[in-house]
Amino acid sequence: MTSALKTSEDPVTERKKLYITERQIPALFEALIAGLMNNEPDDHLDFIIESLNEMKKEKIPLRWDTFIEMHDKKKN
């Protein structure tokens, strides 16, 4: 009997893991959540969209506190 579950040795799974790791997607979500928690914006979707647009436009490097610092600078 063979298992229906794929193992970590599956090339498709490994390729997908590599894709999200190389693009720092987990870290991006961590930074967005940290920014949302710190700023508690009324419109969370606008906050995310504006944050990502500014990050891309200004070529801001990704760190866990990227969106906290970005919005703190706007307040000052």
Protein backbone atom coordinates (compact mmCIF):
# COMPACT_ATOMS: atom_id res chain seq x y z
CA MET A 1 0.00 0.00 0.00
CA THR A 2 1.39 3.42 -0.94
CA SER A 3 0.80 6.58 0.97
CA ALA A 4 -1.19 9.38 -0.68
CA LEU A 5 0.89 11.92 1.20
CA LYS A 6 3.81 13.46 -0.61
CA THR A 7 7.17 13.46 1.08
CA SER A 8 9.56 16.37 1.37
CA GLU A 9 11.55 14.68 -1.38
CA ASP A 10 8.82 15.49 -3.90
CA PRO A 11 10.42 17.79 -6.53
CA VAL A 12 7.28 19.91 -6.88
CA THR A 13 7.11 20.53 -3.15
CA GLU A 14 10.81 21.30 -2.98
CA ARG A 15 10.50 23.75 -5.89
CA LYS A 16 7.61 25.53 -4.17
CA LYS A 17 9.54 25.77 -0.91
CA LEU A 18 12.51 27.18 -2.77
CA TYR A 19 10.27 29.70 -4.55
CA ILE A 20 8.81 31.17 -1.35
CA THR A 21 12.14 31.07 0.47
CA GLU A 22 14.10 32.83 -2.28
CA ARG A 23 11.48 35.58 -2.46
CA GLN A 24 11.35 35.98 1.34
CA ILE A 25 7.58 35.54 1.35
CA PRO A 26 7.32 34.29 4.95
CA ALA A 27 9.42 37.25 6.12
CA LEU A 28 7.25 39.62 4.07
CA PHE A 29 4.11 38.38 5.81
CA GLU A 30 5.84 38.62 9.19
CA ALA A 31 6.76 42.26 8.47
CA LEU A 32 3.23 43.08 7.31
CA ILE A 33 1.69 41.54 10.42
CA ALA A 34 4.14 43.41 12.65
CA GLY A 35 3.24 46.67 10.87
CA LEU A 36 -0.48 46.00 11.21
CA MET A 37 -0.17 45.15 14.90
CA ASN A 38 1.91 48.23 15.64
CA ASN A 39 -0.15 50.72 13.62
CA GLU A 40 -3.67 49.26 13.98
CA PRO A 41 -4.90 51.04 10.83
CA ASP A 42 -8.64 51.54 10.30
CA ASP A 43 -8.31 50.16 6.79
CA HIS A 44 -5.95 47.21 6.90
CA LEU A 45 -6.13 46.58 3.15
CA ASP A 46 -5.11 50.14 2.28
CA PHE A 47 -2.27 49.85 4.79
CA ILE A 48 -0.98 46.66 3.13
CA ILE A 49 -1.35 48.01 -0.41
CA GLU A 50 0.29 51.35 0.38
CA SER A 51 3.09 49.65 2.32
CA LEU A 52 3.92 47.24 -0.47
CA ASN A 53 3.73 49.96 -3.12
CA GLU A 54 6.09 52.20 -1.15
CA MET A 55 8.47 49.33 -0.46
CA LYS A 56 8.64 48.51 -4.16
CA LYS A 57 8.91 52.14 -5.29
CA GLU A 58 11.60 53.11 -2.79
CA LYS A 59 13.36 49.72 -2.96
CA ILE A 60 13.24 49.41 0.82
CA PRO A 61 14.99 46.28 2.10
CA LEU A 62 12.83 43.75 3.91
CA ARG A 63 13.23 43.37 7.67
CA TRP A 64 10.74 42.26 10.29
CA ASP A 65 10.10 45.91 11.26
CA THR A 66 10.10 47.42 7.75
CA PHE A 67 6.48 48.55 7.91
CA ILE A 68 6.72 49.76 11.50
CA GLU A 69 9.62 52.08 10.66
CA MET A 70 8.05 53.13 7.37
CA HIS A 71 4.86 54.33 9.02
CA ASP A 72 6.61 55.79 12.07
CA LYS A 73 8.59 58.04 9.69
CA LYS A 74 5.34 59.22 8.12
CA LYS A 75 3.96 60.20 11.53
CA ASN A 76 6.96 62.47 12.26
